[in-house]
Amino acid sequence: MRLFVALEIPAAVRDNLAVFLSDMHKLPDQLEEKRVRWVRPENLHVTLKFIGEVADAKLDGIRAALSTVHSDASLDLRVHGLGFFPDEKRPTVLWTGFDASTNLPTLAGDIERALTPQGIEKEKRAFVAHLTLARFAAPGPHGQLLAAIRENGERDFGSFRAREFHLIQSTLKPAGAEYTTLQSFRFSAEA
């Protein structure tokens, strides 16, 4: 099974992102575009740790490890702005970023450390909080789409507070990934 750990996006923020994604789809130069794969709004999440393929037998250990992760405070996140990975000159991913409380990278690191004894490989890249909105085939966005992304570069999509994270299974299907939450973990008792 293919697993990851993530924060869910609340409905109000998801709806704001859905409006933006819909607007991008409607651009005349996007109607027949095959080089852009847009993320479905219902699949938007903040990945804290991509686990990858694991044997079913590891699931109980992963759940037990995640249940040990706690924080003294919840997370406050403001979703805003647009950017590209690796950069605008060679874009493969369109993302929106976060202004987040300082304990977000700490939480991601705690999850990473809790999973290491379960045989889950540590991430080689530094944690960067973001929501993936689209993936591009070369040469990336151009024309009206690129102009619209630049125009919305500082767009605000809303704020939320998170007190729990989720272990999610990703099943790859022809129509795109289908996500199933296997378990939720409350990491903060703060009200």
N, C-alpha and C. Protein backbone atom coordinates (compact mmCIF):
# COMPACT_ATOMS: atom_id res chain seq x y z
N MET A 1 0.84 -1.18 0.00
CA MET A 1 0.00 0.00 0.00
C MET A 1 0.88 1.24 0.00
N ARG A 2 0.36 2.32 -0.61
CA ARG A 2 1.09 3.58 -0.76
C ARG A 2 0.53 4.56 0.26
N LEU A 3 1.40 5.09 1.14
CA LEU A 3 0.94 5.89 2.27
C LEU A 3 1.64 7.24 2.34
N PHE A 4 0.96 8.20 2.97
CA PHE A 4 1.58 9.47 3.33
C PHE A 4 0.86 10.03 4.55
N VAL A 5 1.50 11.00 5.20
CA VAL A 5 0.94 11.68 6.37
C VAL A 5 0.68 13.12 5.97
N ALA A 6 -0.51 13.64 6.30
CA ALA A 6 -0.85 14.98 5.82
C ALA A 6 -1.81 15.70 6.76
N LEU A 7 -1.89 17.01 6.55
CA LEU A 7 -2.92 17.84 7.16
C LEU A 7 -4.04 17.99 6.14
N GLU A 8 -5.27 17.92 6.60
CA GLU A 8 -6.42 18.15 5.73
C GLU A 8 -6.64 19.66 5.59
N ILE A 9 -7.23 20.04 4.49
CA ILE A 9 -7.56 21.44 4.22
C ILE A 9 -9.04 21.63 4.51
N PRO A 10 -9.42 22.63 5.32
CA PRO A 10 -10.85 22.82 5.61
C PRO A 10 -11.62 23.29 4.38
N ALA A 11 -12.94 23.09 4.42
CA ALA A 11 -13.81 23.34 3.27
C ALA A 11 -13.69 24.77 2.73
N ALA A 12 -13.64 25.77 3.59
CA ALA A 12 -13.60 27.16 3.11
C ALA A 12 -12.34 27.42 2.29
N VAL A 13 -11.20 26.94 2.75
CA VAL A 13 -9.95 27.12 2.02
C VAL A 13 -9.99 26.29 0.73
N ARG A 14 -10.48 25.07 0.83
CA ARG A 14 -10.58 24.19 -0.35
C ARG A 14 -11.47 24.83 -1.42
N ASP A 15 -12.58 25.45 -0.98
CA ASP A 15 -13.48 26.10 -1.93
C ASP A 15 -12.79 27.27 -2.64
N ASN A 16 -12.02 28.06 -1.90
CA ASN A 16 -11.27 29.17 -2.51
C ASN A 16 -10.27 28.66 -3.54
N LEU A 17 -9.60 27.58 -3.21
CA LEU A 17 -8.64 26.98 -4.15
C LEU A 17 -9.37 26.39 -5.36
N ALA A 18 -10.53 25.80 -5.13
CA ALA A 18 -11.32 25.22 -6.24
C ALA A 18 -11.73 26.29 -7.23
N VAL A 19 -12.11 27.48 -6.74
CA VAL A 19 -12.48 28.58 -7.63
C VAL A 19 -11.27 28.97 -8.49
N PHE A 20 -10.11 29.10 -7.87
CA PHE A 20 -8.90 29.43 -8.62
C PHE A 20 -8.60 28.37 -9.68
N LEU A 21 -8.64 27.10 -9.30
CA LEU A 21 -8.35 26.01 -10.24
C LEU A 21 -9.35 26.01 -11.39
N SER A 22 -10.62 26.23 -11.08
CA SER A 22 -11.65 26.29 -12.11
C SER A 22 -11.38 27.45 -13.09
N ASP A 23 -11.00 28.59 -12.55
CA ASP A 23 -10.69 29.74 -13.40
C ASP A 23 -9.52 29.42 -14.34
N MET A 24 -8.53 28.71 -13.85
CA MET A 24 -7.37 28.36 -14.68
C MET A 24 -7.79 27.38 -15.78
N HIS A 25 -8.65 26.42 -15.45
CA HIS A 25 -9.14 25.45 -16.45
C HIS A 25 -9.89 26.13 -17.59
N LYS A 26 -10.58 27.23 -17.27
CA LYS A 26 -11.44 27.90 -18.25
C LYS A 26 -10.68 28.82 -19.20
N LEU A 27 -9.42 29.05 -18.96
CA LEU A 27 -8.65 29.90 -19.87
C LEU A 27 -8.67 29.28 -21.27
N PRO A 28 -8.88 30.09 -22.29
CA PRO A 28 -8.98 29.55 -23.66
C PRO A 28 -7.81 28.65 -24.06
N ASP A 29 -6.59 28.99 -23.65
CA ASP A 29 -5.46 28.16 -24.05
C ASP A 29 -5.33 26.89 -23.21
N GLN A 30 -6.23 26.68 -22.23
CA GLN A 30 -6.19 25.48 -21.40
C GLN A 30 -7.23 24.44 -21.80
N LEU A 31 -8.16 24.81 -22.65
CA LEU A 31 -9.28 23.91 -22.95
C LEU A 31 -8.82 22.60 -23.60
N GLU A 32 -7.76 22.64 -24.37
CA GLU A 32 -7.25 21.43 -25.03
C GLU A 32 -5.86 21.05 -24.53
N GLU A 33 -5.40 21.70 -23.47
CA GLU A 33 -4.03 21.51 -22.98
C GLU A 33 -3.88 20.13 -22.34
N LYS A 34 -2.90 19.39 -22.80
CA LYS A 34 -2.64 18.04 -22.28
C LYS A 34 -1.37 17.98 -21.42
N ARG A 35 -0.62 19.09 -21.38
CA ARG A 35 0.66 19.07 -20.65
C ARG A 35 0.50 19.51 -19.20
N VAL A 36 -0.74 19.80 -18.77
CA VAL A 36 -0.99 20.22 -17.40
C VAL A 36 -1.91 19.20 -16.75
N ARG A 37 -1.51 18.70 -15.60
CA ARG A 37 -2.37 17.82 -14.80
C ARG A 37 -2.74 18.58 -13.53
N TRP A 38 -3.99 18.99 -13.44
CA TRP A 38 -4.47 19.75 -12.29
C TRP A 38 -4.85 18.80 -11.17
N VAL A 39 -4.53 19.18 -9.94
CA VAL A 39 -4.95 18.40 -8.77
C VAL A 39 -6.43 18.67 -8.52
N ARG A 40 -7.19 17.61 -8.30
CA ARG A 40 -8.60 17.78 -7.99
C ARG A 40 -8.72 18.42 -6.60
N PRO A 41 -9.62 19.39 -6.43
CA PRO A 41 -9.73 20.08 -5.13
C PRO A 41 -9.91 19.13 -3.94
N GLU A 42 -10.64 18.04 -4.13
CA GLU A 42 -10.84 17.10 -3.02
C GLU A 42 -9.56 16.37 -2.63
N ASN A 43 -8.53 16.42 -3.47
CA ASN A 43 -7.25 15.77 -3.16
C ASN A 43 -6.21 16.71 -2.58
N LEU A 44 -6.55 17.97 -2.37
CA LEU A 44 -5.59 18.92 -1.82
C LEU A 44 -5.33 18.62 -0.35
N HIS A 45 -4.07 18.62 0.02
CA HIS A 45 -3.65 18.35 1.40
C HIS A 45 -2.22 18.88 1.57
N VAL A 46 -1.79 18.98 2.81
CA VAL A 46 -0.42 19.39 3.12
C VAL A 46 0.34 18.13 3.53
N THR A 47 1.22 17.67 2.66
CA THR A 47 1.99 16.46 2.98
C THR A 47 3.04 16.78 4.03
N LEU A 48 3.00 16.05 5.13
CA LEU A 48 4.00 16.18 6.19
C LEU A 48 5.10 15.14 6.01
N LYS A 49 4.72 13.98 5.46
CA LYS A 49 5.70 12.91 5.22
C LYS A 49 5.14 11.96 4.17
N PHE A 50 5.86 11.81 3.06
CA PHE A 50 5.51 10.80 2.08
C PHE A 50 6.19 9.51 2.49
N ILE A 51 5.42 8.49 2.76
CA ILE A 51 5.97 7.21 3.21
C ILE A 51 6.28 6.33 2.00
N GLY A 52 5.36 6.27 1.05
CA GLY A 52 5.55 5.44 -0.14
C GLY A 52 4.95 4.06 0.04
N GLU A 53 5.42 3.14 -0.78
CA GLU A 53 4.90 1.77 -0.76
C GLU A 53 5.44 1.02 0.45
N VAL A 54 4.52 0.43 1.21
CA VAL A 54 4.91 -0.41 2.36
C VAL A 54 4.04 -1.66 2.37
N ALA A 55 4.57 -2.70 2.97
CA ALA A 55 3.81 -3.94 3.13
C ALA A 55 2.69 -3.73 4.14
N ASP A 56 1.57 -4.39 3.93
CA ASP A 56 0.44 -4.29 4.85
C ASP A 56 0.85 -4.61 6.28
N ALA A 57 1.82 -5.51 6.45
CA ALA A 57 2.26 -5.92 7.78
C ALA A 57 2.89 -4.78 8.57
N LYS A 58 3.33 -3.71 7.90
CA LYS A 58 3.95 -2.58 8.59
C LYS A 58 2.94 -1.57 9.12
N LEU A 59 1.69 -1.70 8.71
CA LEU A 59 0.69 -0.68 9.03
C LEU A 59 0.51 -0.47 10.53
N ASP A 60 0.42 -1.53 11.32
CA ASP A 60 0.23 -1.38 12.77
C ASP A 60 1.40 -0.63 13.41
N GLY A 61 2.62 -0.94 12.99
CA GLY A 61 3.79 -0.25 13.53
C GLY A 61 3.80 1.22 13.16
N ILE A 62 3.40 1.54 11.94
CA ILE A 62 3.33 2.94 11.50
C ILE A 62 2.29 3.69 12.32
N ARG A 63 1.13 3.07 12.51
CA ARG A 63 0.08 3.71 13.32
C ARG A 63 0.56 3.95 14.75
N ALA A 64 1.22 2.96 15.33
CA ALA A 64 1.71 3.10 16.71
C ALA A 64 2.75 4.22 16.79
N ALA A 65 3.64 4.28 15.81
CA ALA A 65 4.68 5.32 15.81
C ALA A 65 4.04 6.71 15.70
N LEU A 66 3.07 6.87 14.83
CA LEU A 66 2.43 8.17 14.65
C LEU A 66 1.65 8.60 15.89
N SER A 67 1.14 7.65 16.65
CA SER A 67 0.38 7.99 17.85
C SER A 67 1.25 8.60 18.94
N THR A 68 2.58 8.51 18.80
CA THR A 68 3.49 9.07 19.80
C THR A 68 3.83 10.53 19.53
N VAL A 69 3.42 11.07 18.39
CA VAL A 69 3.78 12.43 18.00
C VAL A 69 2.80 13.42 18.63
N HIS A 70 3.35 14.36 19.41
CA HIS A 70 2.54 15.37 20.09
C HIS A 70 3.23 16.73 20.02
N SER A 71 2.44 17.77 20.18
CA SER A 71 2.94 19.13 20.16
C SER A 71 2.26 19.92 21.27
N ASP A 72 2.94 20.93 21.79
CA ASP A 72 2.35 21.77 22.82
C ASP A 72 1.31 22.73 22.25
N ALA A 73 1.30 22.91 20.94
CA ALA A 73 0.39 23.89 20.34
C ALA A 73 -0.14 23.39 19.01
N SER A 74 -1.30 23.89 18.65
CA SER A 74 -1.86 23.60 17.33
C SER A 74 -1.06 24.39 16.28
N LEU A 75 -1.41 24.19 15.03
CA LEU A 75 -0.77 24.90 13.92
C LEU A 75 -1.72 25.94 13.36
N ASP A 76 -1.21 27.13 13.13
CA ASP A 76 -1.97 28.17 12.44
C ASP A 76 -1.35 28.35 11.07
N LEU A 77 -2.18 28.25 10.03
CA LEU A 77 -1.68 28.31 8.66
C LEU A 77 -2.51 29.28 7.84
N ARG A 78 -1.84 30.10 7.07
CA ARG A 78 -2.47 30.99 6.09
C ARG A 78 -1.98 30.54 4.73
N VAL A 79 -2.92 30.20 3.84
CA VAL A 79 -2.59 29.69 2.51
C VAL A 79 -2.58 30.86 1.54
N HIS A 80 -1.44 31.10 0.91
CA HIS A 80 -1.38 32.23 -0.03
C HIS A 80 -0.19 32.13 -0.95
N GLY A 81 -0.30 32.85 -2.05
CA GLY A 81 0.80 32.95 -3.01
C GLY A 81 0.89 31.73 -3.91
N LEU A 82 1.58 31.91 -5.02
CA LEU A 82 1.81 30.83 -5.98
C LEU A 82 3.29 30.80 -6.33
N GLY A 83 3.77 29.62 -6.64
CA GLY A 83 5.16 29.47 -7.05
C GLY A 83 5.35 28.18 -7.83
N PHE A 84 6.59 27.96 -8.26
CA PHE A 84 6.92 26.79 -9.07
C PHE A 84 8.07 26.02 -8.44
N PHE A 85 8.03 24.70 -8.57
CA PHE A 85 9.18 23.85 -8.29
C PHE A 85 9.68 23.35 -9.63
N PRO A 86 10.96 23.27 -9.90
CA PRO A 86 12.01 23.81 -9.07
C PRO A 86 12.09 25.33 -9.13
N ASP A 87 11.68 25.95 -10.25
CA ASP A 87 11.65 27.41 -10.37
C ASP A 87 10.84 27.77 -11.61
N GLU A 88 10.63 29.07 -11.84
CA GLU A 88 9.78 29.50 -12.96
C GLU A 88 10.42 29.21 -14.32
N LYS A 89 11.73 29.09 -14.38
CA LYS A 89 12.40 28.82 -15.66
C LYS A 89 12.24 27.37 -16.10
N ARG A 90 12.10 26.46 -15.14
CA ARG A 90 11.94 25.03 -15.44
C ARG A 90 10.80 24.45 -14.60
N PRO A 91 9.59 24.99 -14.73
CA PRO A 91 8.50 24.59 -13.83
C PRO A 91 7.99 23.18 -14.10
N THR A 92 7.92 22.38 -13.05
CA THR A 92 7.28 21.07 -13.15
C THR A 92 6.07 20.99 -12.22
N VAL A 93 6.02 21.85 -11.20
CA VAL A 93 4.93 21.86 -10.23
C VAL A 93 4.52 23.30 -9.95
N LEU A 94 3.20 23.54 -9.92
CA LEU A 94 2.63 24.80 -9.44
C LEU A 94 2.14 24.56 -8.03
N TRP A 95 2.52 25.44 -7.10
CA TRP A 95 2.13 25.26 -5.70
C TRP A 95 1.63 26.57 -5.11
N THR A 96 0.90 26.43 -4.01
CA THR A 96 0.58 27.58 -3.16
C THR A 96 1.25 27.31 -1.83
N GLY A 97 1.70 28.39 -1.19
CA GLY A 97 2.48 28.24 0.03
C GLY A 97 1.72 28.64 1.28
N PHE A 98 2.48 28.73 2.37
CA PHE A 98 1.90 28.98 3.69
C PHE A 98 2.71 29.99 4.47
N ASP A 99 2.01 30.78 5.24
CA ASP A 99 2.59 31.41 6.41
C ASP A 99 2.10 30.51 7.53
N ALA A 100 3.01 29.91 8.25
CA ALA A 100 2.61 28.92 9.26
C ALA A 100 3.32 29.19 10.57
N SER A 101 2.69 28.74 11.65
CA SER A 101 3.34 28.86 12.95
C SER A 101 4.64 28.07 12.93
N THR A 102 5.56 28.48 13.77
CA THR A 102 6.92 27.94 13.73
C THR A 102 7.00 26.46 14.06
N ASN A 103 5.94 25.89 14.62
CA ASN A 103 6.01 24.47 14.99
C ASN A 103 5.66 23.53 13.82
N LEU A 104 5.33 24.06 12.64
CA LEU A 104 5.03 23.18 11.51
C LEU A 104 6.24 22.34 11.09
N PRO A 105 7.42 22.93 10.85
CA PRO A 105 8.57 22.09 10.50
C PRO A 105 8.94 21.14 11.63
N THR A 106 8.73 21.57 12.88
CA THR A 106 9.01 20.69 14.02
C THR A 106 8.11 19.47 13.99
N LEU A 107 6.82 19.69 13.72
CA LEU A 107 5.88 18.56 13.63
C LEU A 107 6.29 17.61 12.52
N ALA A 108 6.62 18.14 11.36
CA ALA A 108 7.06 17.28 10.24
C ALA A 108 8.31 16.49 10.64
N GLY A 109 9.25 17.13 11.32
CA GLY A 109 10.47 16.44 11.78
C GLY A 109 10.16 15.37 12.81
N ASP A 110 9.22 15.65 13.72
CA ASP A 110 8.84 14.65 14.73
C ASP A 110 8.20 13.43 14.07
N ILE A 111 7.39 13.64 13.05
CA ILE A 111 6.79 12.53 12.32
C ILE A 111 7.88 11.72 11.63
N GLU A 112 8.81 12.42 11.00
CA GLU A 112 9.94 11.75 10.33
C GLU A 112 10.71 10.87 11.32
N ARG A 113 11.05 11.43 12.49
CA ARG A 113 11.82 10.69 13.49
C ARG A 113 11.02 9.51 14.06
N ALA A 114 9.73 9.67 14.22
CA ALA A 114 8.90 8.58 14.76
C ALA A 114 8.83 7.40 13.78
N LEU A 115 8.88 7.69 12.49
CA LEU A 115 8.74 6.64 11.48
C LEU A 115 10.05 5.94 11.13
N THR A 116 11.17 6.57 11.41
CA THR A 116 12.46 5.98 11.05
C THR A 116 12.65 4.58 11.65
N PRO A 117 12.32 4.34 12.93
CA PRO A 117 12.48 2.98 13.47
C PRO A 117 11.57 1.94 12.80
N GLN A 118 10.57 2.41 12.05
CA GLN A 118 9.68 1.50 11.32
C GLN A 118 10.24 1.14 9.95
N GLY A 119 11.46 1.59 9.67
CA GLY A 119 12.10 1.29 8.40
C GLY A 119 11.70 2.24 7.28
N ILE A 120 11.10 3.38 7.64
CA ILE A 120 10.70 4.38 6.66
C ILE A 120 11.90 5.30 6.43
N GLU A 121 12.32 5.39 5.19
CA GLU A 121 13.51 6.17 4.85
C GLU A 121 13.30 7.66 5.11
N LYS A 122 14.34 8.30 5.64
CA LYS A 122 14.27 9.75 5.89
C LYS A 122 14.28 10.50 4.57
N GLU A 123 13.57 11.62 4.57
CA GLU A 123 13.52 12.49 3.39
C GLU A 123 14.88 13.16 3.22
N LYS A 124 15.35 13.22 1.99
CA LYS A 124 16.65 13.83 1.72
C LYS A 124 16.54 15.35 1.56
N ARG A 125 15.34 15.83 1.17
CA ARG A 125 15.14 17.27 0.98
C ARG A 125 14.55 17.88 2.25
N ALA A 126 14.81 19.16 2.43
CA ALA A 126 14.25 19.88 3.57
C ALA A 126 12.74 19.99 3.40
N PHE A 127 12.01 20.01 4.51
CA PHE A 127 10.56 20.13 4.48
C PHE A 127 10.17 21.53 4.00
N VAL A 128 9.29 21.59 2.99
CA VAL A 128 8.76 22.85 2.47
C VAL A 128 7.23 22.70 2.45
N ALA A 129 6.55 23.43 3.32
CA ALA A 129 5.09 23.36 3.38
C ALA A 129 4.48 23.99 2.14
N HIS A 130 3.65 23.23 1.43
CA HIS A 130 3.01 23.72 0.21
C HIS A 130 1.83 22.82 -0.14
N LEU A 131 1.00 23.31 -1.03
CA LEU A 131 -0.06 22.50 -1.65
C LEU A 131 0.25 22.42 -3.13
N THR A 132 0.38 21.24 -3.67
CA THR A 132 0.58 21.08 -5.10
C THR A 132 -0.75 21.30 -5.80
N LEU A 133 -0.76 22.23 -6.76
CA LEU A 133 -1.98 22.56 -7.51
C LEU A 133 -1.99 21.95 -8.91
N ALA A 134 -0.80 21.80 -9.51
CA ALA A 134 -0.71 21.24 -10.86
C ALA A 134 0.69 20.71 -11.10
N ARG A 135 0.78 19.80 -12.06
CA ARG A 135 2.06 19.28 -12.53
C ARG A 135 2.14 19.54 -14.03
N PHE A 136 3.33 19.91 -14.51
CA PHE A 136 3.52 20.28 -15.90
C PHE A 136 4.50 19.36 -16.60
N ALA A 137 4.20 19.04 -17.84
CA ALA A 137 5.19 18.43 -18.72
C ALA A 137 5.95 19.59 -19.37
N ALA A 138 7.16 19.33 -19.83
CA ALA A 138 7.97 20.37 -20.47
C ALA A 138 7.23 20.93 -21.67
N PRO A 139 7.31 22.19 -21.92
CA PRO A 139 8.14 23.20 -21.29
C PRO A 139 7.46 23.94 -20.16
N GLY A 140 6.32 23.50 -19.67
CA GLY A 140 5.64 24.17 -18.58
C GLY A 140 4.61 25.16 -19.07
N PRO A 141 4.04 25.95 -18.16
CA PRO A 141 2.96 26.87 -18.55
C PRO A 141 3.47 28.00 -19.42
N HIS A 142 2.58 28.50 -20.25
CA HIS A 142 2.93 29.62 -21.14
C HIS A 142 1.66 30.41 -21.40
N GLY A 143 1.77 31.46 -22.16
CA GLY A 143 0.62 32.23 -22.61
C GLY A 143 -0.28 32.71 -21.49
N GLN A 144 -1.58 32.55 -21.68
CA GLN A 144 -2.57 33.05 -20.73
C GLN A 144 -2.42 32.39 -19.36
N LEU A 145 -2.07 31.11 -19.33
CA LEU A 145 -1.94 30.43 -18.04
C LEU A 145 -0.80 31.04 -17.23
N LEU A 146 0.35 31.22 -17.84
CA LEU A 146 1.48 31.80 -17.12
C LEU A 146 1.14 33.22 -16.66
N ALA A 147 0.49 33.99 -17.51
CA ALA A 147 0.10 35.36 -17.14
C ALA A 147 -0.87 35.33 -15.96
N ALA A 148 -1.83 34.41 -15.97
CA ALA A 148 -2.81 34.32 -14.88
C ALA A 148 -2.15 33.89 -13.58
N ILE A 149 -1.20 32.99 -13.65
CA ILE A 149 -0.46 32.56 -12.45
C ILE A 149 0.31 33.75 -11.88
N ARG A 150 0.97 34.49 -12.73
CA ARG A 150 1.71 35.67 -12.26
C ARG A 150 0.77 36.70 -11.65
N GLU A 151 -0.39 36.93 -12.27
CA GLU A 151 -1.38 37.89 -11.74
C GLU A 151 -1.87 37.49 -10.35
N ASN A 152 -1.94 36.19 -10.10
CA ASN A 152 -2.45 35.68 -8.82
C ASN A 152 -1.32 35.31 -7.86
N GLY A 153 -0.12 35.76 -8.14
CA GLY A 153 1.06 35.38 -7.37
C GLY A 153 0.96 35.62 -5.88
N GLU A 154 0.19 36.62 -5.45
CA GLU A 154 0.04 36.92 -4.02
C GLU A 154 -1.37 36.63 -3.50
N ARG A 155 -2.13 35.88 -4.25
CA ARG A 155 -3.53 35.60 -3.88
C ARG A 155 -3.62 34.90 -2.53
N ASP A 156 -4.61 35.29 -1.73
CA ASP A 156 -4.84 34.69 -0.42
C ASP A 156 -6.01 33.73 -0.54
N PHE A 157 -5.82 32.50 -0.05
CA PHE A 157 -6.85 31.46 -0.14
C PHE A 157 -7.52 31.17 1.21
N GLY A 158 -7.05 31.80 2.28
CA GLY A 158 -7.68 31.62 3.59
C GLY A 158 -6.73 31.07 4.63
N SER A 159 -7.24 30.98 5.85
CA SER A 159 -6.45 30.53 7.00
C SER A 159 -7.19 29.42 7.74
N PHE A 160 -6.42 28.64 8.49
CA PHE A 160 -7.04 27.61 9.32
C PHE A 160 -6.10 27.20 10.44
N ARG A 161 -6.66 26.50 11.41
CA ARG A 161 -5.91 25.95 12.54
C ARG A 161 -6.01 24.43 12.48
N ALA A 162 -4.88 23.76 12.65
CA ALA A 162 -4.85 22.30 12.62
C ALA A 162 -4.40 21.76 13.97
N ARG A 163 -5.10 20.72 14.40
CA ARG A 163 -4.77 20.04 15.66
C ARG A 163 -4.54 18.55 15.47
N GLU A 164 -4.75 18.09 14.23
CA GLU A 164 -4.55 16.67 13.95
C GLU A 164 -3.97 16.48 12.56
N PHE A 165 -3.29 15.36 12.39
CA PHE A 165 -2.80 14.97 11.08
C PHE A 165 -3.37 13.59 10.77
N HIS A 166 -3.19 13.14 9.53
CA HIS A 166 -3.86 11.94 9.06
C HIS A 166 -2.90 11.02 8.32
N LEU A 167 -3.08 9.73 8.53
CA LEU A 167 -2.39 8.71 7.75
C LEU A 167 -3.32 8.37 6.60
N ILE A 168 -2.83 8.57 5.37
CA ILE A 168 -3.67 8.45 4.19
C ILE A 168 -3.08 7.43 3.22
N GLN A 169 -3.97 6.61 2.68
CA GLN A 169 -3.58 5.66 1.64
C GLN A 169 -3.91 6.26 0.28
N SER A 170 -2.97 6.16 -0.64
CA SER A 170 -3.15 6.66 -2.00
C SER A 170 -3.24 5.46 -2.93
N THR A 171 -4.35 5.38 -3.65
CA THR A 171 -4.53 4.32 -4.63
C THR A 171 -4.51 4.97 -6.01
N LEU A 172 -3.54 4.59 -6.83
CA LEU A 172 -3.40 5.19 -8.15
C LEU A 172 -4.38 4.53 -9.11
N LYS A 173 -5.18 5.37 -9.78
CA LYS A 173 -6.18 4.90 -10.73
C LYS A 173 -6.03 5.69 -12.02
N PRO A 174 -6.59 5.20 -13.13
CA PRO A 174 -6.47 5.92 -14.40
C PRO A 174 -6.98 7.36 -14.34
N ALA A 175 -8.02 7.61 -13.55
CA ALA A 175 -8.57 8.97 -13.45
C ALA A 175 -7.81 9.83 -12.45
N GLY A 176 -6.79 9.29 -11.81
CA GLY A 176 -6.01 10.02 -10.82
C GLY A 176 -6.00 9.30 -9.49
N ALA A 177 -5.23 9.82 -8.56
CA ALA A 177 -5.10 9.18 -7.25
C ALA A 177 -6.40 9.31 -6.46
N GLU A 178 -6.70 8.25 -5.73
CA GLU A 178 -7.85 8.24 -4.82
C GLU A 178 -7.30 8.09 -3.41
N TYR A 179 -7.71 8.98 -2.49
CA TYR A 179 -7.17 9.00 -1.14
C TYR A 179 -8.19 8.48 -0.15
N THR A 180 -7.69 7.65 0.80
CA THR A 180 -8.53 7.13 1.88
C THR A 180 -7.81 7.40 3.19
N THR A 181 -8.47 8.11 4.11
CA THR A 181 -7.88 8.34 5.43
C THR A 181 -8.00 7.07 6.25
N LEU A 182 -6.85 6.54 6.67
CA LEU A 182 -6.82 5.32 7.46
C LEU A 182 -6.96 5.60 8.95
N GLN A 183 -6.37 6.71 9.39
CA GLN A 183 -6.46 7.07 10.81
C GLN A 183 -6.07 8.53 10.97
N SER A 184 -6.71 9.18 11.95
CA SER A 184 -6.39 10.56 12.30
C SER A 184 -5.70 10.57 13.66
N PHE A 185 -4.75 11.48 13.83
CA PHE A 185 -3.97 11.57 15.05
C PHE A 185 -4.01 13.00 15.57
N ARG A 186 -4.60 13.18 16.75
CA ARG A 186 -4.63 14.50 17.36
C ARG A 186 -3.26 14.73 17.99
N PHE A 187 -2.55 15.76 17.52
CA PHE A 187 -1.21 16.01 18.01
C PHE A 187 -1.18 17.12 19.06
N SER A 188 -2.28 17.90 19.16
CA SER A 188 -2.32 19.01 20.10
C SER A 188 -3.61 18.98 20.89
N ALA A 189 -3.49 19.09 22.20
CA ALA A 189 -4.69 19.15 23.05
C ALA A 189 -5.18 20.58 23.19
N GLU A 190 -4.41 21.54 22.66
CA GLU A 190 -4.77 22.95 22.77
C GLU A 190 -6.12 23.21 22.11
N ALA A 191 -6.94 23.97 22.79
CA ALA A 191 -8.30 24.26 22.25
C ALA A 191 -8.26 25.31 21.17
